[in-house]
Amino acid sequence: MLRYLTHLTILTVVNIINLPAYSADRITMSKNDYIKQFLDYITSVRNYSPATTRSYRHDLLQFNRFLESEFPANSTNPDGLPASGGAVGDQGFSEREPGTGDFSRITNLVIRSYLVFLKQQDYQKTSLAHKVATLKSFFKFLNRKGIIENNPLVLIRSPRIDRKLPDFLTESETKDMIAQPGAHPPTFRPQEGALISLRDTVMLELLYSCGLRVSELVRLKIKDIDFNSSVAHIFGKGRQERLVPIGSYALQAIEIYLGAREKAGAEHDAMRYRHSTLPLRMNPPLTGQASEKQSRQEPDQNSYLFLNRFGKPLSDRSVRYEIARYRISTGLTSKRISPHTFRHTFATHMLDHGADLRSVQELLGHKNISTTQIYTHVTTNRLKEVYNSAHPRARKSKIG
């Protein structure tokens, strides 16, 4: 009898240990805990970029706030949705009492009511599609973890988005834009303005020469540039890496810019004790055991390629600001020009000059070739325009 009871006790302990993890989670975790868990997953496992993670976080917090406002604490909607009190701000997660975060009872109708709410806020189709995609990923994650049994997003379709042809620059417009930093330097001290003009020339050259995303551009370090092979080591979306050739114009611009940075760093050290207001130091000193002499000889290879006036990494917002400034000085005010416009321009010009679609896909770092195919529509439309304007039999005329 004692042996039987001992065996039964062991089985009971084993069964308790082997209980699914989500059973305890559903008792102790709040909705915000699940959101945190999902964000950790897409960051560490799926390798989503910080910008994408922030976007997903914003969408999920907005959905959570909708649940709280529409289904307040201690009330139940017709579908049995449990409510939870407390407000969630964009800057953080509020503390919750255990057991208030039951996503398992959210139904298809609750999701549809949320989409109606978003439409009433005059969101564009692209924004709605993104928010639906966020919820689909989130509830798919919960379903796979066993936190919910039924996914309420299974029958929800994303809004159909009309694919717009990307904006791009002509070759002459591109040339004019790249020439702007030298023609219109910033209104700082002469030395600072000249150095920033060189920096911005490199910035525009690389955007056009390599078709980089702005996030890829600002993350570039000096060590990522192989001057011997004329290639750049790019870290793209999802931490995907690729090698992209650098054109001779861009490579020469980089060498001139780094030489000017080295000189500016040395002059900064020489003027340190002579002036209280110091000029720009675009070449921060090396750390560790590196001597002052070594820091003057060459830029730190671990330093970012693009630095601001204070020697800090350039932000994507600063890149957008500078491009907007050069757009005005070029006179292209009727066009919407952003860093991504240079990426579109790169792909369009490559296809115009005979590059195959697969090669352009690899250079852009697109996961699916369908993303790259949008540029074939651009080139096809341009060919039609050339044909209609140049071919004598393409123009409409009366027959007979």
Protein backbone atom coordinates (compact mmCIF):
# COMPACT_ATOMS: atom_id res chain seq x y z
CA MET A 1 0.00 0.00 0.00
CA LEU A 2 2.81 2.40 0.92
CA ARG A 3 4.57 1.53 -2.34
CA TYR A 4 1.37 2.30 -4.32
CA LEU A 5 0.89 5.68 -2.59
CA THR A 6 4.54 6.59 -3.23
CA HIS A 7 4.13 5.74 -6.92
CA LEU A 8 0.89 7.79 -7.11
CA THR A 9 2.61 10.79 -5.48
CA ILE A 10 5.44 10.64 -8.01
CA LEU A 11 2.97 10.56 -10.92
CA THR A 12 1.10 13.53 -9.48
CA VAL A 13 4.29 15.57 -9.13
CA VAL A 14 5.35 14.67 -12.67
CA ASN A 15 1.96 15.70 -14.05
CA ILE A 16 2.13 19.04 -12.24
CA ILE A 17 5.62 19.69 -13.57
CA ASN A 18 4.53 18.81 -17.11
CA LEU A 19 1.54 21.14 -17.13
CA PRO A 20 1.65 23.48 -20.15
CA ALA A 21 3.44 26.73 -19.32
CA TYR A 22 0.57 28.83 -20.59
CA SER A 23 -1.81 27.43 -17.98
CA ALA A 24 0.07 29.28 -15.26
CA ASP A 25 0.61 32.25 -17.55
CA ARG A 26 -3.12 32.68 -18.08
CA ILE A 27 -3.52 33.03 -14.34
CA THR A 28 -0.59 35.35 -13.65
CA MET A 29 0.06 37.30 -16.85
CA SER A 30 -1.62 40.48 -18.01
CA LYS A 31 -2.31 41.53 -21.60
CA ASN A 32 0.71 43.80 -21.47
CA ASP A 33 2.89 40.87 -20.41
CA TYR A 34 1.79 38.99 -23.52
CA ILE A 35 2.57 42.03 -25.65
CA LYS A 36 6.03 42.27 -24.10
CA GLN A 37 6.58 38.58 -24.73
CA PHE A 38 5.59 38.99 -28.38
CA LEU A 39 7.86 42.01 -28.87
CA ASP A 40 10.77 40.10 -27.37
CA TYR A 41 10.04 37.26 -29.78
CA ILE A 42 10.01 39.38 -32.95
CA THR A 43 13.18 41.16 -31.81
CA SER A 44 15.32 38.22 -30.72
CA VAL A 45 13.93 35.36 -32.83
CA ARG A 46 12.55 37.05 -35.95
CA ASN A 47 15.29 39.71 -35.99
CA TYR A 48 12.89 42.57 -36.66
CA SER A 49 14.44 46.01 -36.74
CA PRO A 50 13.95 48.43 -33.81
CA ALA A 51 11.76 50.62 -36.02
CA THR A 52 9.49 47.68 -36.92
CA THR A 53 9.30 46.60 -33.30
CA ARG A 54 8.30 50.13 -32.23
CA SER A 55 5.61 50.15 -34.90
CA TYR A 56 4.19 46.80 -33.75
CA ARG A 57 4.30 47.97 -30.14
CA HIS A 58 2.36 51.13 -31.00
CA ASP A 59 -0.32 49.14 -32.86
CA LEU A 60 -0.78 46.64 -30.02
CA LEU A 61 -0.98 49.35 -27.36
CA GLN A 62 -3.60 51.12 -29.46
CA PHE A 63 -5.62 47.89 -29.69
CA ASN A 64 -5.31 47.40 -25.94
CA ARG A 65 -6.54 50.93 -25.28
CA PHE A 66 -9.52 50.27 -27.54
CA LEU A 67 -10.44 47.21 -25.47
CA GLU A 68 -10.22 49.20 -22.26
CA SER A 69 -12.32 52.09 -23.54
CA GLU A 70 -15.00 50.01 -25.25
CA PHE A 71 -15.19 47.29 -22.59
CA PRO A 72 -14.42 48.94 -19.24
CA ALA A 73 -13.58 47.09 -16.05
CA ASN A 74 -16.19 44.74 -14.57
CA SER A 75 -18.30 44.78 -17.73
CA THR A 76 -18.90 42.18 -20.37
CA ASN A 77 -19.71 42.71 -24.03
CA PRO A 78 -22.19 40.49 -25.92
CA ASP A 79 -19.34 38.19 -26.97
CA GLY A 80 -18.12 37.73 -23.42
CA LEU A 81 -14.96 39.82 -23.77
CA PRO A 82 -13.38 40.30 -20.35
CA ALA A 83 -12.36 43.87 -19.57
CA SER A 84 -9.38 45.18 -17.68
CA GLY A 85 -8.93 48.50 -15.93
CA GLY A 86 -6.10 50.99 -16.19
CA ALA A 87 -4.79 53.06 -19.01
CA VAL A 88 -1.83 52.23 -21.19
CA GLY A 89 0.34 55.03 -22.45
CA ASP A 90 2.53 55.04 -25.55
CA GLN A 91 5.64 55.29 -23.43
CA GLY A 92 5.18 52.21 -21.28
CA PHE A 93 3.08 49.42 -19.92
CA SER A 94 0.84 49.96 -16.92
CA GLU A 95 0.94 47.58 -14.00
CA ARG A 96 -1.93 45.12 -13.90
CA GLU A 97 -3.49 42.78 -11.38
CA PRO A 98 -2.85 39.10 -12.19
CA GLY A 99 -5.46 37.42 -14.30
CA THR A 100 -6.76 40.46 -16.16
CA GLY A 101 -5.08 39.70 -19.48
CA ASP A 102 -7.27 37.08 -21.09
CA PHE A 103 -6.94 37.39 -24.86
CA SER A 104 -8.54 33.97 -25.34
CA ARG A 105 -12.12 35.31 -25.29
CA ILE A 106 -11.64 37.96 -27.94
CA THR A 107 -13.74 37.03 -30.94
CA ASN A 108 -13.93 37.82 -34.61
CA LEU A 109 -16.68 40.37 -33.93
CA VAL A 110 -14.49 42.26 -31.47
CA ILE A 111 -11.76 42.52 -34.10
CA ARG A 112 -14.28 43.75 -36.66
CA SER A 113 -15.58 46.38 -34.26
CA TYR A 114 -11.99 47.56 -33.80
CA LEU A 115 -11.53 47.88 -37.57
CA VAL A 116 -14.74 49.91 -37.79
CA PHE A 117 -13.37 52.15 -35.06
CA LEU A 118 -10.12 52.64 -37.03
CA LYS A 119 -12.03 53.50 -40.20
CA GLN A 120 -13.97 56.12 -38.28
CA GLN A 121 -10.61 57.69 -37.38
CA ASP A 122 -9.93 58.22 -41.11
CA TYR A 123 -6.92 55.92 -41.31
CA GLN A 124 -5.57 55.27 -44.79
CA LYS A 125 -5.76 51.76 -46.27
CA THR A 126 -2.03 51.29 -45.85
CA SER A 127 -2.23 52.08 -42.13
CA LEU A 128 -5.23 49.77 -41.68
CA ALA A 129 -3.41 46.98 -43.50
CA HIS A 130 -0.39 47.42 -41.25
CA LYS A 131 -2.50 47.29 -38.08
CA VAL A 132 -4.28 44.15 -39.29
CA ALA A 133 -0.90 42.56 -40.09
CA THR A 134 0.30 43.39 -36.57
CA LEU A 135 -2.75 41.76 -34.98
CA LYS A 136 -2.47 38.72 -37.25
CA SER A 137 1.14 38.20 -36.18
CA PHE A 138 0.32 38.75 -32.53
CA PHE A 139 -2.64 36.36 -32.33
CA LYS A 140 -0.80 33.78 -34.42
CA PHE A 141 1.97 33.96 -31.82
CA LEU A 142 -0.54 33.51 -28.97
CA ASN A 143 -2.13 30.59 -30.78
CA ARG A 144 1.20 28.82 -31.32
CA LYS A 145 2.12 29.33 -27.66
CA GLY A 146 -1.17 27.74 -26.61
CA ILE A 147 -2.36 30.92 -24.91
CA ILE A 148 -5.47 31.03 -27.12
CA GLU A 149 -7.27 28.12 -28.77
CA ASN A 150 -8.94 29.99 -31.62
CA ASN A 151 -7.36 32.77 -33.64
CA PRO A 152 -9.95 35.55 -34.13
CA LEU A 153 -7.96 36.95 -37.09
CA VAL A 154 -8.26 33.84 -39.29
CA LEU A 155 -11.27 35.14 -41.22
CA ILE A 156 -10.17 38.79 -41.22
CA ARG A 157 -8.93 40.05 -44.57
CA SER A 158 -6.50 42.91 -44.90
CA PRO A 159 -7.71 45.96 -46.86
CA ARG A 160 -6.77 45.77 -50.50
CA ILE A 161 -4.13 48.37 -51.26
CA ASP A 162 -3.70 49.93 -54.67
CA ARG A 163 -0.01 49.67 -55.47
CA LYS A 164 1.28 53.05 -56.49
CA LEU A 165 4.21 53.37 -58.83
CA PRO A 166 7.25 54.60 -56.89
CA ASP A 167 8.49 58.15 -57.36
CA PHE A 168 11.93 58.44 -58.89
CA LEU A 169 14.29 61.05 -60.29
CA THR A 170 15.53 61.37 -63.84
CA GLU A 171 19.26 61.04 -64.40
CA SER A 172 19.67 64.80 -64.79
CA GLU A 173 17.63 65.48 -61.64
CA THR A 174 19.75 62.97 -59.72
CA LYS A 175 22.92 64.68 -60.91
CA ASP A 176 21.57 68.07 -59.82
CA MET A 177 20.61 66.76 -56.36
CA ILE A 178 24.04 65.24 -55.75
CA ALA A 179 25.68 68.54 -56.74
CA GLN A 180 23.68 70.54 -54.18
CA PRO A 181 25.80 69.97 -51.03
CA GLY A 182 28.83 71.53 -52.71
CA ALA A 183 26.82 74.39 -54.20
CA HIS A 184 24.82 75.19 -51.05
CA PRO A 185 26.86 74.39 -47.92
CA PRO A 186 25.26 74.87 -44.49
CA THR A 187 25.59 78.31 -42.89
CA PHE A 188 28.00 77.25 -40.15
CA ARG A 189 31.63 78.22 -39.79
CA PRO A 190 33.44 77.79 -43.14
CA GLN A 191 35.33 74.70 -41.97
CA GLU A 192 32.19 73.03 -40.60
CA GLY A 193 30.12 73.87 -43.66
CA ALA A 194 32.75 72.45 -46.01
CA LEU A 195 32.99 69.20 -44.06
CA ILE A 196 29.23 68.74 -43.84
CA SER A 197 28.97 69.42 -47.58
CA LEU A 198 31.47 66.60 -48.21
CA ARG A 199 29.52 64.35 -45.85
CA ASP A 200 26.21 65.05 -47.57
CA THR A 201 27.75 64.48 -51.00
CA VAL A 202 28.83 61.01 -49.83
CA MET A 203 25.38 60.47 -48.36
CA LEU A 204 23.60 61.20 -51.66
CA GLU A 205 26.19 59.32 -53.71
CA LEU A 206 25.76 56.17 -51.63
CA LEU A 207 21.97 56.35 -51.61
CA TYR A 208 22.01 56.47 -55.41
CA SER A 209 25.05 54.28 -56.08
CA CYS A 210 24.01 51.43 -53.77
CA GLY A 211 20.22 51.83 -53.46
CA LEU A 212 20.42 51.80 -49.66
CA ARG A 213 17.59 52.21 -47.19
CA VAL A 214 18.08 55.20 -44.91
CA SER A 215 18.40 52.87 -41.91
CA GLU A 216 21.19 51.00 -43.70
CA LEU A 217 22.92 54.26 -44.60
CA VAL A 218 23.10 55.68 -41.07
CA ARG A 219 24.34 52.33 -39.66
CA LEU A 220 27.31 52.18 -42.03
CA LYS A 221 30.69 52.14 -40.34
CA ILE A 222 34.04 52.89 -41.94
CA LYS A 223 35.08 49.26 -41.58
CA ASP A 224 32.05 48.24 -43.69
CA ILE A 225 33.62 49.88 -46.74
CA ASP A 226 36.11 47.70 -48.66
CA PHE A 227 38.12 50.19 -50.68
CA ASN A 228 40.15 47.48 -52.43
CA SER A 229 37.12 45.57 -53.72
CA SER A 230 34.86 48.64 -54.03
CA VAL A 231 32.01 47.02 -52.10
CA ALA A 232 30.02 47.88 -48.98
CA HIS A 233 28.98 45.39 -46.32
CA ILE A 234 25.32 46.25 -45.66
CA PHE A 235 23.21 45.16 -42.69
CA GLY A 236 19.62 45.21 -43.90
CA LYS A 237 16.17 44.31 -42.64
CA GLY A 238 15.95 41.37 -40.28
CA ARG A 239 19.73 41.58 -39.79
CA GLN A 240 20.23 40.22 -43.28
CA GLU A 241 23.67 40.99 -44.68
CA ARG A 242 24.63 41.64 -48.29
CA LEU A 243 27.54 43.00 -50.30
CA VAL A 244 26.77 45.91 -52.61
CA PRO A 245 29.18 47.36 -55.18
CA ILE A 246 30.12 51.02 -54.78
CA GLY A 247 30.46 53.21 -57.85
CA SER A 248 33.70 55.09 -58.55
CA TYR A 249 32.07 58.50 -57.92
CA ALA A 250 30.83 57.42 -54.49
CA LEU A 251 34.12 55.76 -53.58
CA GLN A 252 36.11 58.85 -54.47
CA ALA A 253 33.71 61.04 -52.49
CA ILE A 254 34.16 58.79 -49.43
CA GLU A 255 37.96 59.04 -49.61
CA ILE A 256 37.85 62.84 -49.85
CA TYR A 257 35.37 63.04 -46.96
CA LEU A 258 37.41 60.77 -44.67
CA GLY A 259 40.53 62.76 -45.44
CA ALA A 260 38.75 65.96 -44.47
CA ARG A 261 37.45 64.31 -41.28
CA GLU A 262 40.96 63.28 -40.33
CA LYS A 263 42.23 66.81 -40.85
CA ALA A 264 39.32 68.32 -38.91
CA GLY A 265 40.01 65.99 -35.99
CA ALA A 266 43.66 67.00 -35.83
CA GLU A 267 42.86 70.71 -36.05
CA HIS A 268 40.27 70.30 -33.32
CA ASP A 269 42.98 68.98 -30.96
CA ALA A 270 45.34 71.82 -31.88
CA MET A 271 42.69 74.48 -31.17
CA ARG A 272 41.39 72.90 -27.97
CA TYR A 273 43.21 75.24 -25.61
CA ARG A 274 43.05 78.34 -27.79
CA HIS A 275 39.30 78.76 -28.18
CA SER A 276 36.39 78.30 -25.85
CA THR A 277 33.99 77.73 -28.78
CA LEU A 278 35.35 74.72 -30.62
CA PRO A 279 34.73 73.84 -34.28
CA LEU A 280 33.21 70.59 -35.39
CA ARG A 281 35.07 67.41 -34.50
CA MET A 282 33.87 64.83 -37.02
CA ASN A 283 36.58 62.34 -36.08
CA PRO A 284 36.19 61.36 -32.42
CA PRO A 285 39.39 60.09 -30.75
CA LEU A 286 40.11 56.40 -30.53
CA THR A 287 39.33 54.69 -27.24
CA GLY A 288 41.38 52.16 -25.32
CA GLN A 289 45.16 52.14 -25.74
CA ALA A 290 45.24 54.30 -28.88
CA SER A 291 47.46 57.35 -28.56
CA GLU A 292 46.59 60.93 -29.48
CA LYS A 293 48.94 60.65 -32.45
CA GLN A 294 47.12 57.55 -33.74
CA SER A 295 43.74 59.29 -33.41
CA ARG A 296 45.00 62.10 -35.62
CA GLN A 297 46.46 59.81 -38.28
CA GLU A 298 43.33 58.01 -39.35
CA PRO A 299 39.63 57.76 -38.47
CA ASP A 300 38.55 55.02 -36.10
CA GLN A 301 37.49 52.05 -38.21
CA ASN A 302 34.69 51.34 -35.75
CA SER A 303 33.39 54.87 -36.14
CA TYR A 304 30.19 55.48 -38.07
CA LEU A 305 30.72 56.81 -41.56
CA PHE A 306 28.19 59.61 -41.12
CA LEU A 307 28.50 61.86 -38.09
CA ASN A 308 26.69 65.03 -37.11
CA ARG A 309 28.25 68.32 -36.01
CA PHE A 310 28.87 66.95 -32.53
CA GLY A 311 30.63 63.77 -33.61
CA LYS A 312 27.58 61.56 -32.96
CA PRO A 313 26.06 59.09 -35.47
CA LEU A 314 23.81 60.83 -37.96
CA SER A 315 20.10 60.05 -37.51
CA ASP A 316 17.69 59.13 -40.29
CA ARG A 317 15.72 62.27 -39.42
CA SER A 318 18.78 64.40 -40.18
CA VAL A 319 19.20 62.65 -43.53
CA ARG A 320 15.58 63.44 -44.41
CA TYR A 321 16.04 67.05 -43.35
CA GLU A 322 19.14 67.53 -45.52
CA ILE A 323 17.48 65.93 -48.55
CA ALA A 324 14.45 68.19 -48.12
CA ARG A 325 16.79 71.18 -48.01
CA TYR A 326 18.57 70.14 -51.22
CA ARG A 327 15.23 69.43 -52.92
CA ILE A 328 14.29 73.08 -52.42
CA SER A 329 17.66 74.40 -53.58
CA THR A 330 17.42 72.21 -56.70
CA GLY A 331 14.00 73.62 -57.51
CA LEU A 332 12.27 70.23 -57.47
CA THR A 333 9.55 71.45 -55.13
CA SER A 334 6.81 69.75 -57.14
CA LYS A 335 8.30 66.32 -56.39
CA ARG A 336 8.22 64.38 -53.15
CA ILE A 337 11.85 63.44 -52.56
CA SER A 338 12.92 61.34 -49.61
CA PRO A 339 15.89 59.03 -48.98
CA HIS A 340 13.77 56.18 -50.36
CA THR A 341 13.33 58.10 -53.61
CA PHE A 342 17.02 57.50 -54.33
CA ARG A 343 16.46 53.78 -53.77
CA HIS A 344 13.60 53.84 -56.28
CA THR A 345 15.77 55.85 -58.65
CA PHE A 346 18.62 53.35 -58.32
CA ALA A 347 16.37 50.41 -59.24
CA THR A 348 14.64 52.24 -62.08
CA HIS A 349 17.88 53.41 -63.70
CA MET A 350 19.43 49.95 -63.34
CA LEU A 351 16.51 48.35 -65.19
CA ASP A 352 16.49 51.14 -67.77
CA HIS A 353 20.10 50.34 -68.60
CA GLY A 354 19.58 46.61 -69.01
CA ALA A 355 20.02 45.07 -65.56
CA ASP A 356 18.02 41.89 -64.95
CA LEU A 357 15.36 41.75 -62.25
CA ARG A 358 17.13 39.11 -60.12
CA SER A 359 20.31 41.17 -59.90
CA VAL A 360 18.36 44.27 -58.85
CA GLN A 361 16.52 42.18 -56.25
CA GLU A 362 19.81 41.05 -54.70
CA LEU A 363 21.28 44.55 -54.75
CA LEU A 364 18.21 45.98 -53.01
CA GLY A 365 18.06 43.16 -50.48
CA HIS A 366 14.45 42.28 -51.30
CA LYS A 367 13.30 38.97 -49.85
CA ASN A 368 10.66 38.43 -52.55
CA ILE A 369 11.08 39.29 -56.20
CA SER A 370 7.46 40.49 -56.29
CA THR A 371 8.64 43.54 -54.33
CA THR A 372 11.17 44.30 -57.05
CA GLN A 373 8.71 43.77 -59.90
CA ILE A 374 7.01 47.10 -59.18
CA TYR A 375 9.96 48.79 -60.92
CA THR A 376 9.28 46.91 -64.15
CA HIS A 377 5.95 48.76 -64.36
CA VAL A 378 7.83 52.04 -64.09
CA THR A 379 10.24 51.17 -66.89
CA THR A 380 7.42 49.77 -69.05
CA ASN A 381 5.43 52.99 -68.72
CA ARG A 382 8.48 55.03 -69.65
CA LEU A 383 9.09 52.84 -72.72
CA LYS A 384 5.50 53.37 -73.78
CA GLU A 385 5.91 57.13 -73.46
CA VAL A 386 9.08 57.04 -75.56
CA TYR A 387 7.41 54.82 -78.15
CA ASN A 388 4.30 56.98 -78.38
CA SER A 389 6.33 60.15 -78.78
CA ALA A 390 8.94 58.78 -81.20
CA HIS A 391 7.37 56.12 -83.42
CA PRO A 392 5.60 57.58 -86.48
CA ARG A 393 2.90 54.88 -86.49
CA ALA A 394 2.15 55.23 -82.78
CA ARG A 395 0.38 58.59 -83.11
CA LYS A 396 -3.33 58.63 -83.77
CA SER A 397 -4.28 59.73 -87.29
CA LYS A 398 -7.25 59.45 -89.55
CA ILE A 399 -7.25 56.49 -91.95
CA GLY A 400 -8.46 56.99 -95.50
